Protein backbone atom coordinates (compact mmCIF):
# COMPACT_ATOMS: atom_id res chain seq x y z
CA UNK A 1 135.25 115.03 76.55
CA UNK A 2 135.19 111.53 78.40
CA UNK A 3 135.49 113.27 81.75
CA UNK A 4 132.45 115.25 80.52
CA UNK A 5 130.49 112.58 79.69
CA UNK A 6 131.18 110.91 83.18
CA UNK A 7 130.11 114.24 85.06
CA UNK A 8 126.93 114.57 82.70
CA UNK A 9 125.63 110.68 83.26
CA UNK A 10 126.37 111.20 86.90
CA UNK A 11 124.30 114.72 86.90
CA UNK A 12 121.75 112.96 84.89
CA UNK A 13 121.18 110.12 87.35
CA UNK A 14 121.14 112.73 90.23
CA UNK A 15 118.42 114.68 88.47
CA UNK A 16 116.41 112.21 87.41
CA UNK A 17 116.46 110.49 90.82
CA UNK A 18 115.87 113.74 92.40
CA UNK A 19 112.73 114.37 89.94
CA UNK A 20 110.83 111.31 90.19
CA UNK A 21 111.77 111.43 94.38
CA UNK A 22 109.82 114.67 94.36
CA UNK A 23 106.83 113.51 92.17
CA UNK A 24 106.68 110.13 94.41
CA UNK A 25 106.95 111.84 98.28
CA UNK A 26 103.30 113.52 97.82
CA UNK A 27 101.53 110.18 96.90
CA UNK A 28 104.13 108.41 99.58
CA UNK A 29 103.23 110.86 102.38
CA UNK A 30 99.16 110.94 101.75
CA UNK A 31 99.59 107.37 101.71
CA UNK A 32 101.13 105.97 104.82
CA UNK A 33 98.91 108.38 106.63
CA UNK A 34 95.87 107.94 105.19
CA UNK A 35 96.29 104.05 105.49
CA UNK A 36 98.20 104.43 109.07
CA UNK A 37 95.91 107.40 110.94
CA UNK A 38 92.54 108.73 109.23
CA UNK A 39 91.88 105.50 107.63
CA UNK A 40 92.40 103.21 110.43
CA UNK A 41 90.06 105.87 112.65
CA UNK A 42 87.40 105.57 110.05
CA UNK A 43 87.42 102.08 109.25
CA UNK A 44 86.85 101.62 113.01
CA UNK A 45 83.80 103.40 112.75
CA UNK A 46 82.45 102.36 110.06
CA UNK A 47 83.19 98.46 111.71
CA UNK A 48 80.71 99.61 113.63
CA UNK A 49 78.14 99.80 111.26
CA UNK A 50 79.12 96.52 109.54
CA UNK A 51 78.98 94.45 113.29
CA UNK A 52 75.39 96.31 113.24
CA UNK A 53 74.38 94.74 109.82
CA UNK A 54 75.95 91.97 109.77
CA UNK A 55 76.23 90.21 112.72
CA UNK A 56 76.99 86.50 111.14
CA UNK A 57 79.48 87.42 109.01
CA UNK A 58 82.56 85.62 109.35
CA UNK A 59 85.71 86.96 111.34
CA UNK A 60 87.96 86.77 108.37
CA UNK A 61 85.74 88.72 105.79
CA UNK A 62 85.33 91.15 108.93
CA UNK A 63 88.93 91.74 109.12
CA UNK A 64 89.05 91.78 105.39
CA UNK A 65 86.59 94.91 105.19
CA UNK A 66 88.20 96.39 107.83
CA UNK A 67 91.59 96.36 106.20
CA UNK A 68 89.70 97.48 102.73
CA UNK A 69 88.19 100.52 104.14
CA UNK A 70 91.54 101.60 106.14
CA UNK A 71 92.66 101.64 102.23
CA UNK A 72 90.14 103.04 100.72
CA UNK A 73 90.98 105.73 98.35
CA UNK A 74 88.22 108.05 99.13
CA UNK A 75 89.62 108.31 102.69
CA UNK A 76 93.38 108.86 100.74
CA UNK A 77 92.03 111.77 98.89
CA UNK A 78 90.43 113.62 102.19
CA UNK A 79 93.66 113.49 103.55
CA UNK A 80 95.82 114.56 100.61
CA UNK A 81 93.22 117.67 100.80
CA UNK A 82 93.67 118.45 104.66
CA UNK A 83 97.63 118.32 104.36
CA UNK A 84 97.23 120.29 101.06
CA UNK A 85 94.84 122.88 104.16
CA UNK A 86 97.91 122.58 106.49
CA UNK A 87 101.14 122.91 104.31
CA UNK A 88 99.05 126.44 102.92
CA UNK A 89 98.31 127.26 105.77
CA UNK A 90 101.27 126.62 107.50
CA UNK A 91 102.06 128.93 110.66
CA UNK A 92 98.29 129.89 111.23
CA UNK A 93 95.32 128.91 112.95
CA UNK A 94 92.46 127.27 110.70
CA UNK A 95 89.70 124.70 110.45
CA UNK A 96 89.67 122.21 107.72
CA UNK A 97 87.67 122.06 105.58
CA UNK A 98 85.70 119.03 104.18
CA UNK A 99 83.85 118.66 101.14
CA UNK A 100 80.25 116.88 101.30
CA UNK A 101 80.80 115.85 97.88
CA UNK A 102 83.66 113.77 99.39
CA UNK A 103 82.37 112.27 102.58
CA UNK A 104 79.26 111.39 100.01
CA UNK A 105 82.02 109.79 97.80
CA UNK A 106 83.61 107.95 100.83
CA UNK A 107 80.02 106.43 102.04
CA UNK A 108 79.61 105.18 98.48
CA UNK A 109 82.95 103.45 98.33
CA UNK A 110 82.51 101.88 101.52
CA UNK A 111 79.47 100.44 101.30
CA UNK A 112 81.13 99.34 98.14
CA UNK A 113 83.90 97.65 99.87
CA UNK A 114 81.41 96.14 102.38
CA UNK A 115 79.01 94.72 99.65
CA UNK A 116 81.90 93.43 97.59
CA UNK A 117 83.90 91.61 100.93
CA UNK A 118 81.99 90.73 103.50
CA UNK A 119 81.37 87.30 102.19
CA UNK A 120 77.37 87.18 102.24
CA UNK A 121 75.14 88.20 100.02
CA UNK A 122 73.95 91.71 100.53
CA UNK A 123 70.49 93.12 100.32
CA UNK A 124 68.85 96.59 98.83
CA UNK A 125 67.64 96.95 102.27
CA UNK A 126 71.10 96.34 104.07
CA UNK A 127 72.67 98.81 101.83
CA UNK A 128 70.16 101.58 102.41
CA UNK A 129 70.56 100.65 105.90
CA UNK A 130 73.98 101.12 105.48
CA UNK A 131 73.76 104.58 103.64
CA UNK A 132 70.84 105.58 106.03
CA UNK A 133 73.60 105.07 109.66
CA UNK A 134 76.80 106.59 107.78
CA UNK A 135 74.78 109.71 106.63
CA UNK A 136 73.43 109.83 110.58
CA UNK A 137 76.86 109.81 111.81
CA UNK A 138 78.36 111.84 108.92
CA UNK A 139 79.30 115.35 111.36
CA UNK A 140 80.92 112.63 113.62
CA UNK A 141 82.88 110.72 110.59
CA UNK A 142 84.23 114.45 109.74
CA UNK A 143 85.68 115.26 113.31
CA UNK A 144 86.98 111.94 113.75
CA UNK A 145 88.86 112.74 110.37
CA UNK A 146 89.89 116.49 111.18
CA UNK A 147 91.09 115.56 114.74
CA UNK A 148 93.65 112.90 113.28
CA UNK A 149 94.70 114.91 110.89
CA UNK A 150 94.79 118.24 112.63
CA UNK A 151 97.77 117.54 115.12
CA UNK A 152 99.97 118.54 111.87
CA UNK A 153 98.67 121.90 111.50
CA UNK A 154 100.46 122.61 115.57
CA UNK A 155 103.32 120.88 113.85
CA UNK A 156 103.54 122.87 110.56
CA UNK A 157 104.01 125.51 113.22
CA UNK A 158 106.07 124.15 115.43
CA UNK A 159 110.14 126.34 114.48
CA UNK A 160 111.38 123.15 115.20
CA UNK A 161 110.02 120.87 112.51
CA UNK A 162 108.33 123.65 110.61
CA UNK A 163 111.55 123.58 107.91
CA UNK A 164 110.09 119.92 106.70
CA UNK A 165 106.88 121.12 106.34
CA UNK A 166 108.27 124.23 104.05
CA UNK A 167 110.77 121.27 102.13
CA UNK A 168 107.66 119.27 101.84
CA UNK A 169 105.82 122.20 99.82
CA UNK A 170 108.99 123.06 98.16
CA UNK A 171 109.41 119.42 96.64
CA UNK A 172 105.66 118.94 96.14
CA UNK A 173 104.62 122.05 94.18
CA UNK A 174 104.06 121.93 90.44
CA UNK A 175 106.55 124.86 90.14
CA UNK A 176 109.43 123.15 91.42
CA UNK A 177 108.96 119.69 89.70
CA UNK A 178 108.38 121.72 85.99
CA UNK A 179 111.88 123.35 86.78
CA UNK A 180 113.57 120.17 87.71
CA UNK A 181 111.80 117.89 84.61
CA UNK A 182 112.86 121.35 82.26
CA UNK A 183 117.18 120.45 84.15
CA UNK A 184 116.81 117.06 83.23
CA UNK A 185 115.52 117.33 79.69
CA UNK A 186 118.67 120.05 79.57
CA UNK A 187 121.00 117.54 80.62
CA UNK A 188 119.94 114.89 78.22
CA UNK A 189 119.93 117.23 75.42
CA UNK A 190 123.69 118.13 76.75
CA UNK A 191 124.63 114.21 77.27
CA UNK A 192 123.84 114.05 72.90
CA UNK A 193 125.36 117.14 72.05
CA UNK A 194 128.77 115.60 73.64
CA UNK A 195 128.27 112.35 71.58
CA UNK A 196 126.35 110.52 69.18
CA UNK A 197 122.58 109.74 69.21
CA UNK A 198 122.95 106.44 69.74
CA UNK A 199 125.55 106.32 72.22
CA UNK A 200 123.82 109.40 74.31
CA UNK A 201 120.55 107.33 74.15
CA UNK A 202 122.49 104.46 75.79
CA UNK A 203 123.86 106.69 78.93
CA UNK A 204 120.59 107.68 79.33
CA UNK A 205 118.95 103.77 79.22
CA UNK A 206 121.50 103.41 81.91
CA UNK A 207 120.90 106.38 83.89
CA UNK A 208 117.06 105.36 84.10
CA UNK A 209 118.17 101.72 85.44
CA UNK A 210 120.68 103.43 88.04
CA UNK A 211 118.09 105.80 89.16
CA UNK A 212 115.11 103.43 88.87
CA UNK A 213 117.55 101.29 91.60
CA UNK A 214 117.96 103.90 93.94
CA UNK A 215 113.95 104.73 93.72
CA UNK A 216 113.39 100.89 94.15
CA UNK A 217 115.88 99.74 96.59
CA UNK A 218 117.75 102.10 97.71
CA UNK A 219 116.33 105.09 98.82
CA UNK A 220 113.33 103.10 100.41
CA UNK A 221 115.95 100.79 102.42
CA UNK A 222 117.91 103.61 103.97
CA UNK A 223 114.94 106.13 104.51
CA UNK A 224 112.54 103.78 106.11
CA UNK A 225 114.28 103.60 109.35
CA UNK A 226 115.23 107.45 109.50
CA UNK A 227 111.02 108.30 108.22
CA UNK A 228 110.38 106.01 110.82
CA UNK A 229 112.23 107.64 113.59
CA UNK A 230 110.99 110.81 112.29
CA UNK A 231 107.20 110.07 112.65
CA UNK A 232 107.89 108.89 116.08
CA UNK A 233 109.21 112.51 117.03
CA UNK A 234 106.56 114.01 115.18
CA UNK A 235 103.60 111.96 115.71
CA UNK A 236 104.62 110.58 119.09
CA UNK A 237 104.07 106.56 117.58
CA UNK A 238 106.25 104.46 115.10
CA UNK A 239 105.00 105.10 111.45
CA UNK A 240 106.27 102.90 108.93
CA UNK A 241 106.17 104.86 105.53
CA UNK A 242 104.53 103.00 102.09
CA UNK A 243 107.24 103.72 99.65
CA UNK A 244 104.79 101.99 96.86
CA UNK A 245 104.89 105.31 95.02
CA UNK A 246 108.71 105.65 94.96
CA UNK A 247 108.84 101.77 93.84
CA UNK A 248 106.12 102.67 90.91
CA UNK A 249 108.51 105.50 89.76
CA UNK A 250 111.07 103.14 89.82
CA UNK A 251 109.19 100.62 87.73
CA UNK A 252 108.75 103.27 85.20
CA UNK A 253 112.07 104.69 84.72
CA UNK A 254 113.03 100.82 83.95
CA UNK A 255 109.97 100.96 81.11
CA UNK A 256 111.89 103.99 79.55
CA UNK A 257 115.00 102.73 79.95
CA UNK A 258 113.96 99.66 77.74
CA UNK A 259 112.65 102.01 75.30
CA UNK A 260 115.44 104.06 75.39
CA UNK A 261 117.37 100.33 75.08
CA UNK A 262 115.44 99.88 71.86
CA UNK A 263 115.80 102.89 70.09
CA UNK A 264 119.34 102.72 71.06
CA UNK A 265 119.33 99.25 68.77
CA UNK A 266 117.15 100.59 66.45
CA UNK A 267 119.99 103.99 65.61
CA UNK A 268 122.66 101.20 65.84
CA UNK A 269 121.24 98.63 63.22
CA UNK A 270 119.98 102.02 61.14
CA UNK A 271 123.59 103.15 61.12
CA UNK A 272 125.03 99.62 59.85
CA UNK A 273 122.95 99.82 57.53
CA UNK A 274 124.06 103.08 56.16
CA UNK A 275 127.49 102.49 56.43
CA UNK A 276 126.90 98.84 54.49
CA UNK A 277 125.09 101.31 51.86
CA UNK A 278 127.96 103.73 51.17
CA UNK A 279 130.31 100.66 51.20
CA UNK A 280 128.81 99.13 48.30
CA UNK A 281 128.40 102.24 46.27
């Protein structure tokens, strides 16, 4: 019984960690590529408009605007769609498609970022001027975005790296993630069947904490240098991955562990009160 509980504990830790990692891998990759590549490229184009419209803005404010533009959610959204297209069409020659609505959203977000961070009051005339400049160079920006990401298309069809894209496609598929969740639930259920509900809940809480530590600290520290080296081979440049999505998953698991711990305490007090009632009777 004890050996079986330990085996289920280990299996549950592995399943929880693996499942959370699968859910984290897509935002991790998209956020990294968006900030380090597509976001950087497009922010430079936007800054040409900013320097032209606000020549007297402080250099620190200009730098702030550039950094915020590189981290734009709209660029991240477009980058994610590009990567999805590349994964779907890997091994085939295809042209990346950019939705006009996504570009309009990028324009509006860029203007909002500039207005909030430029450090001086932006007039309606200046906002309209920025909008006109962005609309005028829309095709150039789309071309820049597509050329920045299209390098991955050739890598996806390269036998040397193609299997990595295949693993990414499997790990980020909804069906695979759903199966991982079901296996985790099934393992937790077996854990409950092997013991009392109170004890099983504590075991689940401990498994969540161990998985959270792995996601928040262990995996990022181990994978950082490995992924940087891998990116250097694939992209021809060193890229340090943004592990914030995985760390967020770790924080969520900590919250779940706390909730499980509270449930365990509630079950414990309920059991104690029941035993006292029986004893008094």
